[in-house]
Amino acid sequence: MQALDDSALNHVATYFRALSEPTRLRILNALRDGGKNVSQITALTGCGQANVSKHLALLFEAGLVTRSAQGTAVFYAIADSATFELCDIVCGNVARIVERQFSNTSAVKRQLGKVAR
């Protein structure tokens, strides 16, 4: 990342912004096992069709998904499987952070309990 200019950093920031919304993460998870059309994604995510379409457009613009016309339907697929590797790394890191915060909170509560006695 050190060698990136401002333009490249803006692209990286756009990529991460696209991953920063829970609905978009649900959509990506729905595409984990292969391409789907909007109706299929809507059914899998429980989100409305207009909402799914809006998020798919943003994911497409960020380069996270591809789209292809098949008859009258448009199918979306993951552009690069490394996206899931990145998400798995981030999820593991978030789990460690939450665990550490819980551990620290528990330690503080134990200390406060000792003081209150």
PDB file of N, CA and C in Angstrom:
ATOM      1  N   MET A   1       0.818  -1.191   0.000  1.00  0.00           N
ATOM      2  CA  MET A   1       0.000   0.000   0.000  1.00  0.00           C
ATOM      3  C   MET A   1       0.864   1.258   0.000  1.00  0.00           C
ATOM      4  N   GLN A   2       2.070   1.162   0.479  1.00  0.00           N
ATOM      5  CA  GLN A   2       2.935   2.342   0.577  1.00  0.00           C
ATOM      6  C   GLN A   2       3.223   2.976  -0.774  1.00  0.00           C
ATOM      7  N   ALA A   3       3.286   2.170  -1.827  1.00  0.00           N
ATOM      8  CA  ALA A   3       3.660   2.694  -3.143  1.00  0.00           C
ATOM      9  C   ALA A   3       2.472   3.242  -3.931  1.00  0.00           C
ATOM     10  N   LEU A   4       1.267   3.202  -3.372  1.00  0.00           N
ATOM     11  CA  LEU A   4       0.081   3.634  -4.098  1.00  0.00           C
ATOM     12  C   LEU A   4      -0.057   5.149  -4.087  1.00  0.00           C
ATOM     13  N   ASP A   5      -0.440   5.695  -5.229  1.00  0.00           N
ATOM     14  CA  ASP A   5      -0.711   7.127  -5.290  1.00  0.00           C
ATOM     15  C   ASP A   5      -2.154   7.388  -4.831  1.00  0.00           C
ATOM     16  N   ASP A   6      -2.543   8.651  -4.797  1.00  0.00           N
ATOM     17  CA  ASP A   6      -3.870   9.019  -4.296  1.00  0.00           C
ATOM     18  C   ASP A   6      -4.992   8.372  -5.104  1.00  0.00           C
ATOM     19  N   SER A   7      -4.822   8.298  -6.406  1.00  0.00           N
ATOM     20  CA  SER A   7      -5.857   7.690  -7.249  1.00  0.00           C
ATOM     21  C   SER A   7      -6.048   6.218  -6.897  1.00  0.00           C
ATOM     22  N   ALA A   8      -4.957   5.503  -6.751  1.00  0.00           N
ATOM     23  CA  ALA A   8      -5.036   4.082  -6.395  1.00  0.00           C
ATOM     24  C   ALA A   8      -5.639   3.909  -5.004  1.00  0.00           C
ATOM     25  N   LEU A   9      -5.257   4.773  -4.071  1.00  0.00           N
ATOM     26  CA  LEU A   9      -5.818   4.693  -2.713  1.00  0.00           C
ATOM     27  C   LEU A   9      -7.318   4.950  -2.730  1.00  0.00           C
ATOM     28  N   ASN A  10      -7.776   5.836  -3.609  1.00  0.00           N
ATOM     29  CA  ASN A  10      -9.215   6.083  -3.741  1.00  0.00           C
ATOM     30  C   ASN A  10      -9.936   4.830  -4.229  1.00  0.00           C
ATOM     31  N   HIS A  11      -9.317   4.095  -5.151  1.00  0.00           N
ATOM     32  CA  HIS A  11      -9.907   2.840  -5.631  1.00  0.00           C
ATOM     33  C   HIS A  11      -9.981   1.806  -4.505  1.00  0.00           C
ATOM     34  N   VAL A  12      -8.943   1.746  -3.706  1.00  0.00           N
ATOM     35  CA  VAL A  12      -8.932   0.814  -2.572  1.00  0.00           C
ATOM     36  C   VAL A  12     -10.030   1.199  -1.578  1.00  0.00           C
ATOM     37  N   ALA A  13     -10.161   2.481  -1.313  1.00  0.00           N
ATOM     38  CA  ALA A  13     -11.194   2.940  -0.384  1.00  0.00           C
ATOM     39  C   ALA A  13     -12.592   2.624  -0.915  1.00  0.00           C
ATOM     40  N   THR A  14     -12.806   2.788  -2.216  1.00  0.00           N
ATOM     41  CA  THR A  14     -14.090   2.441  -2.829  1.00  0.00           C
ATOM     42  C   THR A  14     -14.386   0.963  -2.660  1.00  0.00           C
ATOM     43  N   TYR A  15     -13.383   0.129  -2.842  1.00  0.00           N
ATOM     44  CA  TYR A  15     -13.513  -1.325  -2.679  1.00  0.00           C
ATOM     45  C   TYR A  15     -13.966  -1.650  -1.251  1.00  0.00           C
ATOM     46  N   PHE A  16     -13.287  -1.064  -0.269  1.00  0.00           N
ATOM     47  CA  PHE A  16     -13.646  -1.349   1.123  1.00  0.00           C
ATOM     48  C   PHE A  16     -14.994  -0.743   1.499  1.00  0.00           C
ATOM     49  N   ARG A  17     -15.347   0.411   0.924  1.00  0.00           N
ATOM     50  CA  ARG A  17     -16.681   0.980   1.181  1.00  0.00           C
ATOM     51  C   ARG A  17     -17.760   0.030   0.690  1.00  0.00           C
ATOM     52  N   ALA A  18     -17.509  -0.605  -0.450  1.00  0.00           N
ATOM     53  CA  ALA A  18     -18.482  -1.552  -0.998  1.00  0.00           C
ATOM     54  C   ALA A  18     -18.678  -2.737  -0.061  1.00  0.00           C
ATOM     55  N   LEU A  19     -17.644  -3.089   0.685  1.00  0.00           N
ATOM     56  CA  LEU A  19     -17.731  -4.208   1.628  1.00  0.00           C
ATOM     57  C   LEU A  19     -18.239  -3.782   3.006  1.00  0.00           C
ATOM     58  N   SER A  20     -18.527  -2.509   3.177  1.00  0.00           N
ATOM     59  CA  SER A  20     -18.842  -1.997   4.519  1.00  0.00           C
ATOM     60  C   SER A  20     -20.327  -2.002   4.862  1.00  0.00           C
ATOM     61  N   GLU A  21     -21.153  -2.608   4.041  1.00  0.00           N
ATOM     62  CA  GLU A  21     -22.595  -2.586   4.268  1.00  0.00           C
ATOM     63  C   GLU A  21     -23.105  -4.023   4.420  1.00  0.00           C
ATOM     64  N   PRO A  22     -23.822  -4.333   5.503  1.00  0.00           N
ATOM     65  CA  PRO A  22     -24.269  -5.713   5.752  1.00  0.00           C
ATOM     66  C   PRO A  22     -25.088  -6.330   4.617  1.00  0.00           C
ATOM     67  N   THR A  23     -25.936  -5.563   3.971  1.00  0.00           N
ATOM     68  CA  THR A  23     -26.732  -6.126   2.873  1.00  0.00           C
ATOM     69  C   THR A  23     -25.830  -6.574   1.734  1.00  0.00           C
ATOM     70  N   ARG A  24     -24.819  -5.779   1.432  1.00  0.00           N
ATOM     71  CA  ARG A  24     -23.903  -6.170   0.359  1.00  0.00           C
ATOM     72  C   ARG A  24     -23.127  -7.424   0.738  1.00  0.00           C
ATOM     73  N   LEU A  25     -22.775  -7.568   2.007  1.00  0.00           N
ATOM     74  CA  LEU A  25     -22.094  -8.787   2.450  1.00  0.00           C
ATOM     75  C   LEU A  25     -23.025  -9.992   2.325  1.00  0.00           C
ATOM     76  N   ARG A  26     -24.313  -9.808   2.632  1.00  0.00           N
ATOM     77  CA  ARG A  26     -25.278 -10.903   2.447  1.00  0.00           C
ATOM     78  C   ARG A  26     -25.391 -11.281   0.971  1.00  0.00           C
ATOM     79  N   ILE A  27     -25.379 -10.279   0.111  1.00  0.00           N
ATOM     80  CA  ILE A  27     -25.449 -10.546  -1.333  1.00  0.00           C
ATOM     81  C   ILE A  27     -24.218 -11.331  -1.781  1.00  0.00           C
ATOM     82  N   LEU A  28     -23.049 -10.911  -1.333  1.00  0.00           N
ATOM     83  CA  LEU A  28     -21.828 -11.645  -1.697  1.00  0.00           C
ATOM     84  C   LEU A  28     -21.891 -13.084  -1.196  1.00  0.00           C
ATOM     85  N   ASN A  29     -22.394 -13.278   0.011  1.00  0.00           N
ATOM     86  CA  ASN A  29     -22.543 -14.640   0.536  1.00  0.00           C
ATOM     87  C   ASN A  29     -23.505 -15.452  -0.309  1.00  0.00           C
ATOM     88  N   ALA A  30     -24.549 -14.822  -0.810  1.00  0.00           N
ATOM     89  CA  ALA A  30     -25.514 -15.523  -1.667  1.00  0.00           C
ATOM     90  C   ALA A  30     -24.867 -15.971  -2.973  1.00  0.00           C
ATOM     91  N   LEU A  31     -23.828 -15.257  -3.389  1.00  0.00           N
ATOM     92  CA  LEU A  31     -23.140 -15.589  -4.636  1.00  0.00           C
ATOM     93  C   LEU A  31     -21.960 -16.539  -4.424  1.00  0.00           C
ATOM     94  N   ARG A  32     -21.741 -16.940  -3.197  1.00  0.00           N
ATOM     95  CA  ARG A  32     -20.582 -17.769  -2.861  1.00  0.00           C
ATOM     96  C   ARG A  32     -20.549 -19.068  -3.653  1.00  0.00           C
ATOM     97  N   ASP A  33     -21.713 -19.665  -3.886  1.00  0.00           N
ATOM     98  CA  ASP A  33     -21.738 -20.958  -4.581  1.00  0.00           C
ATOM     99  C   ASP A  33     -22.090 -20.835  -6.062  1.00  0.00           C
ATOM    100  N   GLY A  34     -22.020 -19.636  -6.610  1.00  0.00           N
ATOM    101  CA  GLY A  34     -22.233 -19.464  -8.048  1.00  0.00           C
ATOM    102  C   GLY A  34     -23.119 -18.292  -8.383  1.00  0.00           C
ATOM    103  N   GLY A  35     -23.165 -17.982  -9.670  1.00  0.00           N
ATOM    104  CA  GLY A  35     -23.929 -16.846 -10.160  1.00  0.00           C
ATOM    105  C   GLY A  35     -25.427 -17.016  -9.982  1.00  0.00           C
ATOM    106  N   LYS A  36     -26.108 -15.885  -9.813  1.00  0.00           N
ATOM    107  CA  LYS A  36     -27.554 -15.882  -9.605  1.00  0.00           C
ATOM    108  C   LYS A  36     -28.143 -14.618 -10.210  1.00  0.00           C
ATOM    109  N   ASN A  37     -29.442 -14.676 -10.488  1.00  0.00           N
ATOM    110  CA  ASN A  37     -30.121 -13.466 -10.955  1.00  0.00           C
ATOM    111  C   ASN A  37     -30.704 -12.718  -9.758  1.00  0.00           C
ATOM    112  N   VAL A  38     -31.235 -11.546 -10.007  1.00  0.00           N
ATOM    113  CA  VAL A  38     -31.727 -10.689  -8.925  1.00  0.00           C
ATOM    114  C   VAL A  38     -32.820 -11.385  -8.118  1.00  0.00           C
ATOM    115  N   SER A  39     -33.728 -12.093  -8.787  1.00  0.00           N
ATOM    116  CA  SER A  39     -34.811 -12.781  -8.072  1.00  0.00           C
ATOM    117  C   SER A  39     -34.260 -13.833  -7.114  1.00  0.00           C
ATOM    118  N   GLN A  40     -33.265 -14.572  -7.562  1.00  0.00           N
ATOM    119  CA  GLN A  40     -32.665 -15.592  -6.703  1.00  0.00           C
ATOM    120  C   GLN A  40     -31.955 -14.959  -5.500  1.00  0.00           C
ATOM    121  N   ILE A  41     -31.232 -13.879  -5.761  1.00  0.00           N
ATOM    122  CA  ILE A  41     -30.524 -13.182  -4.680  1.00  0.00           C
ATOM    123  C   ILE A  41     -31.522 -12.600  -3.696  1.00  0.00           C
ATOM    124  N   THR A  42     -32.607 -12.035  -4.215  1.00  0.00           N
ATOM    125  CA  THR A  42     -33.664 -11.480  -3.364  1.00  0.00           C
ATOM    126  C   THR A  42     -34.223 -12.557  -2.441  1.00  0.00           C
ATOM    127  N   ALA A  43     -34.495 -13.729  -2.987  1.00  0.00           N
ATOM    128  CA  ALA A  43     -35.043 -14.827  -2.186  1.00  0.00           C
ATOM    129  C   ALA A  43     -34.050 -15.283  -1.115  1.00  0.00           C
ATOM    130  N   LEU A  44     -32.774 -15.330  -1.454  1.00  0.00           N
ATOM    131  CA  LEU A  44     -31.759 -15.809  -0.505  1.00  0.00           C
ATOM    132  C   LEU A  44     -31.451 -14.804   0.600  1.00  0.00           C
ATOM    133  N   THR A  45     -31.541 -13.524   0.281  1.00  0.00           N
ATOM    134  CA  THR A  45     -31.180 -12.503   1.265  1.00  0.00           C
ATOM    135  C   THR A  45     -32.362 -11.969   2.053  1.00  0.00           C
ATOM    136  N   GLY A  46     -33.565 -12.137   1.514  1.00  0.00           N
ATOM    137  CA  GLY A  46     -34.743 -11.583   2.180  1.00  0.00           C
ATOM    138  C   GLY A  46     -34.887 -10.084   1.976  1.00  0.00           C
ATOM    139  N   CYS A  47     -34.100  -9.528   1.097  1.00  0.00           N
ATOM    140  CA  CYS A  47     -34.162  -8.086   0.814  1.00  0.00           C
ATOM    141  C   CYS A  47     -35.081  -7.840  -0.377  1.00  0.00           C
ATOM    142  N   GLY A  48     -35.588  -6.634  -0.491  1.00  0.00           N
ATOM    143  CA  GLY A  48     -36.442  -6.270  -1.612  1.00  0.00           C
ATOM    144  C   GLY A  48     -35.655  -6.198  -2.912  1.00  0.00           C
ATOM    145  N   GLN A  49     -36.356  -6.385  -4.013  1.00  0.00           N
ATOM    146  CA  GLN A  49     -35.701  -6.421  -5.321  1.00  0.00           C
ATOM    147  C   GLN A  49     -35.011  -5.102  -5.658  1.00  0.00           C
ATOM    148  N   ALA A  50     -35.665  -3.988  -5.370  1.00  0.00           N
ATOM    149  CA  ALA A  50     -35.059  -2.681  -5.667  1.00  0.00           C
ATOM    150  C   ALA A  50     -33.789  -2.485  -4.842  1.00  0.00           C
ATOM    151  N   ASN A  51     -33.831  -2.895  -3.581  1.00  0.00           N
ATOM    152  CA  ASN A  51     -32.679  -2.780  -2.694  1.00  0.00           C
ATOM    153  C   ASN A  51     -31.523  -3.642  -3.199  1.00  0.00           C
ATOM    154  N   VAL A  52     -31.820  -4.891  -3.569  1.00  0.00           N
ATOM    155  CA  VAL A  52     -30.791  -5.793  -4.083  1.00  0.00           C
ATOM    156  C   VAL A  52     -30.185  -5.215  -5.361  1.00  0.00           C
ATOM    157  N   SER A  53     -31.019  -4.721  -6.260  1.00  0.00           N
ATOM    158  CA  SER A  53     -30.528  -4.151  -7.516  1.00  0.00           C
ATOM    159  C   SER A  53     -29.603  -2.966  -7.265  1.00  0.00           C
ATOM    160  N   LYS A  54     -29.963  -2.119  -6.315  1.00  0.00           N
ATOM    161  CA  LYS A  54     -29.138  -0.952  -5.975  1.00  0.00           C
ATOM    162  C   LYS A  54     -27.770  -1.403  -5.466  1.00  0.00           C
ATOM    163  N   HIS A  55     -27.766  -2.381  -4.578  1.00  0.00           N
ATOM    164  CA  HIS A  55     -26.502  -2.861  -4.015  1.00  0.00           C
ATOM    165  C   HIS A  55     -25.667  -3.603  -5.052  1.00  0.00           C
ATOM    166  N   LEU A  56     -26.319  -4.360  -5.924  1.00  0.00           N
ATOM    167  CA  LEU A  56     -25.584  -5.051  -6.984  1.00  0.00           C
ATOM    168  C   LEU A  56     -24.903  -4.054  -7.918  1.00  0.00           C
ATOM    169  N   ALA A  57     -25.573  -2.949  -8.206  1.00  0.00           N
ATOM    170  CA  ALA A  57     -24.979  -1.916  -9.059  1.00  0.00           C
ATOM    171  C   ALA A  57     -23.711  -1.360  -8.416  1.00  0.00           C
ATOM    172  N   LEU A  58     -23.766  -1.123  -7.119  1.00  0.00           N
ATOM    173  CA  LEU A  58     -22.598  -0.603  -6.410  1.00  0.00           C
ATOM    174  C   LEU A  58     -21.480  -1.648  -6.384  1.00  0.00           C
ATOM    175  N   LEU A  59     -21.831  -2.920  -6.133  1.00  0.00           N
ATOM    176  CA  LEU A  59     -20.829  -3.989  -6.131  1.00  0.00           C
ATOM    177  C   LEU A  59     -20.197  -4.148  -7.507  1.00  0.00           C
ATOM    178  N   PHE A  60     -20.997  -3.979  -8.544  1.00  0.00           N
ATOM    179  CA  PHE A  60     -20.488  -4.058  -9.912  1.00  0.00           C
ATOM    180  C   PHE A  60     -19.523  -2.904 -10.193  1.00  0.00           C
ATOM    181  N   GLU A  61     -19.917  -1.701  -9.812  1.00  0.00           N
ATOM    182  CA  GLU A  61     -19.062  -0.521 -10.021  1.00  0.00           C
ATOM    183  C   GLU A  61     -17.736  -0.656  -9.287  1.00  0.00           C
ATOM    184  N   ALA A  62     -17.757  -1.299  -8.121  1.00  0.00           N
ATOM    185  CA  ALA A  62     -16.536  -1.482  -7.334  1.00  0.00           C
ATOM    186  C   ALA A  62     -15.697  -2.647  -7.852  1.00  0.00           C
ATOM    187  N   GLY A  63     -16.224  -3.397  -8.812  1.00  0.00           N
ATOM    188  CA  GLY A  63     -15.485  -4.503  -9.393  1.00  0.00           C
ATOM    189  C   GLY A  63     -15.566  -5.801  -8.622  1.00  0.00           C
ATOM    190  N   LEU A  64     -16.495  -5.874  -7.667  1.00  0.00           N
ATOM    191  CA  LEU A  64     -16.615  -7.079  -6.832  1.00  0.00           C
ATOM    192  C   LEU A  64     -17.457  -8.165  -7.485  1.00  0.00           C
ATOM    193  N   VAL A  65     -18.370  -7.779  -8.371  1.00  0.00           N
ATOM    194  CA  VAL A  65     -19.190  -8.771  -9.068  1.00  0.00           C
ATOM    195  C   VAL A  65     -19.156  -8.488 -10.570  1.00  0.00           C
ATOM    196  N   THR A  66     -19.432  -9.542 -11.319  1.00  0.00           N
ATOM    197  CA  THR A  66     -19.600  -9.408 -12.762  1.00  0.00           C
ATOM    198  C   THR A  66     -21.076  -9.598 -13.068  1.00  0.00           C
ATOM    199  N   ARG A  67     -21.491  -9.180 -14.244  1.00  0.00           N
ATOM    200  CA  ARG A  67     -22.870  -9.436 -14.643  1.00  0.00           C
ATOM    201  C   ARG A  67     -22.887  -9.863 -16.099  1.00  0.00           C
ATOM    202  N   SER A  68     -23.825 -10.750 -16.403  1.00  0.00           N
ATOM    203  CA  SER A  68     -23.952 -11.225 -17.776  1.00  0.00           C
ATOM    204  C   SER A  68     -25.421 -11.483 -18.069  1.00  0.00           C
ATOM    205  N   ALA A  69     -25.824 -11.107 -19.255  1.00  0.00           N
ATOM    206  CA  ALA A  69     -27.207 -11.323 -19.684  1.00  0.00           C
ATOM    207  C   ALA A  69     -27.351 -12.749 -20.173  1.00  0.00           C
ATOM    208  N   GLN A  70     -28.405 -13.410 -19.694  1.00  0.00           N
ATOM    209  CA  GLN A  70     -28.749 -14.748 -20.156  1.00  0.00           C
ATOM    210  C   GLN A  70     -30.240 -14.718 -20.462  1.00  0.00           C
ATOM    211  N   GLY A  71     -30.545 -14.529 -21.730  1.00  0.00           N
ATOM    212  CA  GLY A  71     -31.934 -14.330 -22.119  1.00  0.00           C
ATOM    213  C   GLY A  71     -32.395 -12.988 -21.610  1.00  0.00           C
ATOM    214  N   THR A  72     -33.513 -12.974 -20.889  1.00  0.00           N
ATOM    215  CA  THR A  72     -34.042 -11.718 -20.348  1.00  0.00           C
ATOM    216  C   THR A  72     -33.539 -11.445 -18.936  1.00  0.00           C
ATOM    217  N   ALA A  73     -32.805 -12.387 -18.366  1.00  0.00           N
ATOM    218  CA  ALA A  73     -32.303 -12.222 -16.996  1.00  0.00           C
ATOM    219  C   ALA A  73     -30.841 -11.796 -17.005  1.00  0.00           C
ATOM    220  N   VAL A  74     -30.459 -11.077 -15.969  1.00  0.00           N
ATOM    221  CA  VAL A  74     -29.070 -10.697 -15.761  1.00  0.00           C
ATOM    222  C   VAL A  74     -28.563 -11.498 -14.571  1.00  0.00           C
ATOM    223  N   PHE A  75     -27.453 -12.186 -14.764  1.00  0.00           N
ATOM    224  CA  PHE A  75     -26.864 -12.984 -13.703  1.00  0.00           C
ATOM    225  C   PHE A  75     -25.623 -12.293 -13.152  1.00  0.00           C
ATOM    226  N   TYR A  76     -25.485 -12.349 -11.852  1.00  0.00           N
ATOM    227  CA  TYR A  76     -24.351 -11.749 -11.159  1.00  0.00           C
ATOM    228  C   TYR A  76     -23.510 -12.865 -10.568  1.00  0.00           C
ATOM    229  N   ALA A  77     -22.200 -12.648 -10.567  1.00  0.00           N
ATOM    230  CA  ALA A  77     -21.269 -13.618 -10.002  1.00  0.00           C
ATOM    231  C   ALA A  77     -20.113 -12.859  -9.351  1.00  0.00           C
ATOM    232  N   ILE A  78     -19.411 -13.534  -8.480  1.00  0.00           N
ATOM    233  CA  ILE A  78     -18.247 -12.953  -7.839  1.00  0.00           C
ATOM    234  C   ILE A  78     -17.158 -12.752  -8.899  1.00  0.00           C
ATOM    235  N   ALA A  79     -16.564 -11.585  -8.915  1.00  0.00           N
ATOM    236  CA  ALA A  79     -15.534 -11.282  -9.903  1.00  0.00           C
ATOM    237  C   ALA A  79     -14.219 -11.985  -9.580  1.00  0.00           C
ATOM    238  N   ASP A  80     -13.928 -12.152  -8.302  1.00  0.00           N
ATOM    239  CA  ASP A  80     -12.653 -12.738  -7.888  1.00  0.00           C
ATOM    240  C   ASP A  80     -12.859 -13.475  -6.570  1.00  0.00           C
ATOM    241  N   SER A  81     -12.537 -14.752  -6.540  1.00  0.00           N
ATOM    242  CA  SER A  81     -12.740 -15.548  -5.318  1.00  0.00           C
ATOM    243  C   SER A  81     -11.885 -15.045  -4.158  1.00  0.00           C
ATOM    244  N   ALA A  82     -10.869 -14.237  -4.442  1.00  0.00           N
ATOM    245  CA  ALA A  82     -10.056 -13.664  -3.367  1.00  0.00           C
ATOM    246  C   ALA A  82     -10.892 -12.770  -2.461  1.00  0.00           C
ATOM    247  N   THR A  83     -12.033 -12.307  -2.957  1.00  0.00           N
ATOM    248  CA  THR A  83     -12.941 -11.502  -2.127  1.00  0.00           C
ATOM    249  C   THR A  83     -13.345 -12.286  -0.885  1.00  0.00           C
ATOM    250  N   PHE A  84     -13.649 -13.580  -1.054  1.00  0.00           N
ATOM    251  CA  PHE A  84     -14.040 -14.394   0.089  1.00  0.00           C
ATOM    252  C   PHE A  84     -12.872 -14.640   1.031  1.00  0.00           C
ATOM    253  N   GLU A  85     -11.672 -14.767   0.472  1.00  0.00           N
ATOM    254  CA  GLU A  85     -10.495 -14.929   1.314  1.00  0.00           C
ATOM    255  C   GLU A  85     -10.298 -13.687   2.178  1.00  0.00           C
ATOM    256  N   LEU A  86     -10.458 -12.512   1.559  1.00  0.00           N
ATOM    257  CA  LEU A  86     -10.335 -11.260   2.293  1.00  0.00           C
ATOM    258  C   LEU A  86     -11.394 -11.180   3.389  1.00  0.00           C
ATOM    259  N   CYS A  87     -12.637 -11.507   3.045  1.00  0.00           N
ATOM    260  CA  CYS A  87     -13.722 -11.451   4.025  1.00  0.00           C
ATOM    261  C   CYS A  87     -13.478 -12.430   5.173  1.00  0.00           C
ATOM    262  N   ASP A  88     -12.958 -13.619   4.853  1.00  0.00           N
ATOM    263  CA  ASP A  88     -12.658 -14.596   5.906  1.00  0.00           C
ATOM    264  C   ASP A  88     -11.561 -14.088   6.834  1.00  0.00           C
ATOM    265  N   ILE A  89     -10.551 -13.426   6.270  1.00  0.00           N
ATOM    266  CA  ILE A  89      -9.486 -12.844   7.098  1.00  0.00           C
ATOM    267  C   ILE A  89     -10.066 -11.765   8.009  1.00  0.00           C
ATOM    268  N   VAL A  90     -10.883 -10.893   7.434  1.00  0.00           N
ATOM    269  CA  VAL A  90     -11.482  -9.803   8.215  1.00  0.00           C
ATOM    270  C   VAL A  90     -12.393 -10.365   9.307  1.00  0.00           C
ATOM    271  N   CYS A  91     -13.213 -11.371   8.969  1.00  0.00           N
ATOM    272  CA  CYS A  91     -14.111 -11.961   9.970  1.00  0.00           C
ATOM    273  C   CYS A  91     -13.328 -12.567  11.118  1.00  0.00           C
ATOM    274  N   GLY A  92     -12.228 -13.240  10.814  1.00  0.00           N
ATOM    275  CA  GLY A  92     -11.381 -13.798  11.865  1.00  0.00           C
ATOM    276  C   GLY A  92     -10.786 -12.713  12.731  1.00  0.00           C
ATOM    277  N   ASN A  93     -10.353 -11.628  12.110  1.00  0.00           N
ATOM    278  CA  ASN A  93      -9.789 -10.515  12.862  1.00  0.00           C
ATOM    279  C   ASN A  93     -10.844  -9.860  13.747  1.00  0.00           C
ATOM    280  N   VAL A  94     -12.042  -9.669  13.214  1.00  0.00           N
ATOM    281  CA  VAL A  94     -13.128  -9.075  13.996  1.00  0.00           C
ATOM    282  C   VAL A  94     -13.464  -9.971  15.191  1.00  0.00           C
ATOM    283  N   ALA A  95     -13.489 -11.288  14.972  1.00  0.00           N
ATOM    284  CA  ALA A  95     -13.767 -12.224  16.074  1.00  0.00           C
ATOM    285  C   ALA A  95     -12.717 -12.080  17.175  1.00  0.00           C
ATOM    286  N   ARG A  96     -11.450 -11.942  16.788  1.00  0.00           N
ATOM    287  CA  ARG A  96     -10.392 -11.769  17.795  1.00  0.00           C
ATOM    288  C   ARG A  96     -10.550 -10.447  18.539  1.00  0.00           C
ATOM    289  N   ILE A  97     -10.927  -9.400  17.832  1.00  0.00           N
ATOM    290  CA  ILE A  97     -11.133  -8.096  18.480  1.00  0.00           C
ATOM    291  C   ILE A  97     -12.268  -8.181  19.485  1.00  0.00           C
ATOM    292  N   VAL A  98     -13.388  -8.779  19.078  1.00  0.00           N
ATOM    293  CA  VAL A  98     -14.539  -8.899  19.980  1.00  0.00           C
ATOM    294  C   VAL A  98     -14.169  -9.743  21.194  1.00  0.00           C
ATOM    295  N   GLU A  99     -13.452 -10.820  20.952  1.00  0.00           N
ATOM    296  CA  GLU A  99     -13.023 -11.684  22.056  1.00  0.00           C
ATOM    297  C   GLU A  99     -12.129 -10.916  23.026  1.00  0.00           C
ATOM    298  N   ARG A 100     -11.201 -10.136  22.484  1.00  0.00           N
ATOM    299  CA  ARG A 100     -10.300  -9.338  23.319  1.00  0.00           C
ATOM    300  C   ARG A 100     -11.091  -8.293  24.099  1.00  0.00           C
ATOM    301  N   GLN A 101     -12.045  -7.630  23.440  1.00  0.00           N
ATOM    302  CA  GLN A 101     -12.855  -6.622  24.122  1.00  0.00           C
ATOM    303  C   GLN A 101     -13.691  -7.256  25.224  1.00  0.00           C
ATOM    304  N   PHE A 102     -14.252  -8.428  24.942  1.00  0.00           N
ATOM    305  CA  PHE A 102     -15.050  -9.129  25.948  1.00  0.00           C
ATOM    306  C   PHE A 102     -14.170  -9.502  27.127  1.00  0.00           C
ATOM    307  N   SER A 103     -12.983  -9.984  26.842  1.00  0.00           N
ATOM    308  CA  SER A 103     -12.047 -10.372  27.892  1.00  0.00           C
ATOM    309  C   SER A 103     -11.682  -9.165  28.747  1.00  0.00           C
ATOM    310  N   ASN A 104     -11.382  -8.032  28.081  1.00  0.00           N
ATOM    311  CA  ASN A 104     -11.043  -6.807  28.814  1.00  0.00           C
ATOM    312  C   ASN A 104     -12.222  -6.306  29.630  1.00  0.00           C
ATOM    313  N   THR A 105     -13.416  -6.363  29.077  1.00  0.00           N
ATOM    314  CA  THR A 105     -14.623  -5.931  29.792  1.00  0.00           C
ATOM    315  C   THR A 105     -14.861  -6.809  31.007  1.00  0.00           C
ATOM    316  N   SER A 106     -14.691  -8.115  30.835  1.00  0.00           N
ATOM    317  CA  SER A 106     -14.874  -9.042  31.955  1.00  0.00           C
ATOM    318  C   SER A 106     -13.862  -8.760  33.054  1.00  0.00           C
ATOM    319  N   ALA A 107     -12.614  -8.485  32.678  1.00  0.00           N
ATOM    320  CA  ALA A 107     -11.577  -8.186  33.668  1.00  0.00           C
ATOM    321  C   ALA A 107     -11.909  -6.908  34.424  1.00  0.00           C
ATOM    322  N   VAL A 108     -12.377  -5.887  33.711  1.00  0.00           N
ATOM    323  CA  VAL A 108     -12.752  -4.618  34.355  1.00  0.00           C
ATOM    324  C   VAL A 108     -13.917  -4.847  35.317  1.00  0.00           C
ATOM    325  N   LYS A 109     -14.918  -5.626  34.899  1.00  0.00           N
ATOM    326  CA  LYS A 109     -16.058  -5.904  35.772  1.00  0.00           C
ATOM    327  C   LYS A 109     -15.618  -6.643  37.023  1.00  0.00           C
ATOM    328  N   ARG A 110     -14.679  -7.584  36.872  1.00  0.00           N
ATOM    329  CA  ARG A 110     -14.176  -8.308  38.052  1.00  0.00           C
ATOM    330  C   ARG A 110     -13.470  -7.339  38.991  1.00  0.00           C
ATOM    331  N   GLN A 111     -12.663  -6.428  38.426  1.00  0.00           N
ATOM    332  CA  GLN A 111     -11.953  -5.455  39.249  1.00  0.00           C
ATOM    333  C   GLN A 111     -12.929  -4.517  39.946  1.00  0.00           C
ATOM    334  N   LEU A 112     -13.958  -4.079  39.239  1.00  0.00           N
ATOM    335  CA  LEU A 112     -14.957  -3.194  39.828  1.00  0.00           C
ATOM    336  C   LEU A 112     -15.715  -3.915  40.928  1.00  0.00           C
ATOM    337  N   GLY A 113     -15.973  -5.188  40.736  1.00  0.00           N
ATOM    338  CA  GLY A 113     -16.650  -5.983  41.761  1.00  0.00           C
ATOM    339  C   GLY A 113     -15.830  -6.061  43.040  1.00  0.00           C
ATOM    340  N   LYS A 114     -14.518  -6.162  42.900  1.00  0.00           N
ATOM    341  CA  LYS A 114     -13.627  -6.223  44.075  1.00  0.00           C
ATOM    342  C   LYS A 114     -13.627  -4.887  44.803  1.00  0.00           C
ATOM    343  N   VAL A 115     -13.644  -3.786  44.040  1.00  0.00           N
ATOM    344  CA  VAL A 115     -13.633  -2.448  44.636  1.00  0.00           C
ATOM    345  C   VAL A 115     -14.937  -2.178  45.367  1.00  0.00           C
ATOM    346  N   ALA A 116     -16.053  -2.652  44.821  1.00  0.00           N
ATOM    347  CA  ALA A 116     -17.363  -2.363  45.400  1.00  0.00           C
ATOM    348  C   ALA A 116     -17.608  -3.119  46.700  1.00  0.00           C
ATOM    349  N   ARG A 117     -16.842  -4.143  46.961  1.00  0.00           N
ATOM    350  CA  ARG A 117     -17.054  -4.953  48.187  1.00  0.00           C
ATOM    351  C   ARG A 117     -16.575  -4.273  49.392  1.00  0.00           C
TER     352      ARG A 117
END
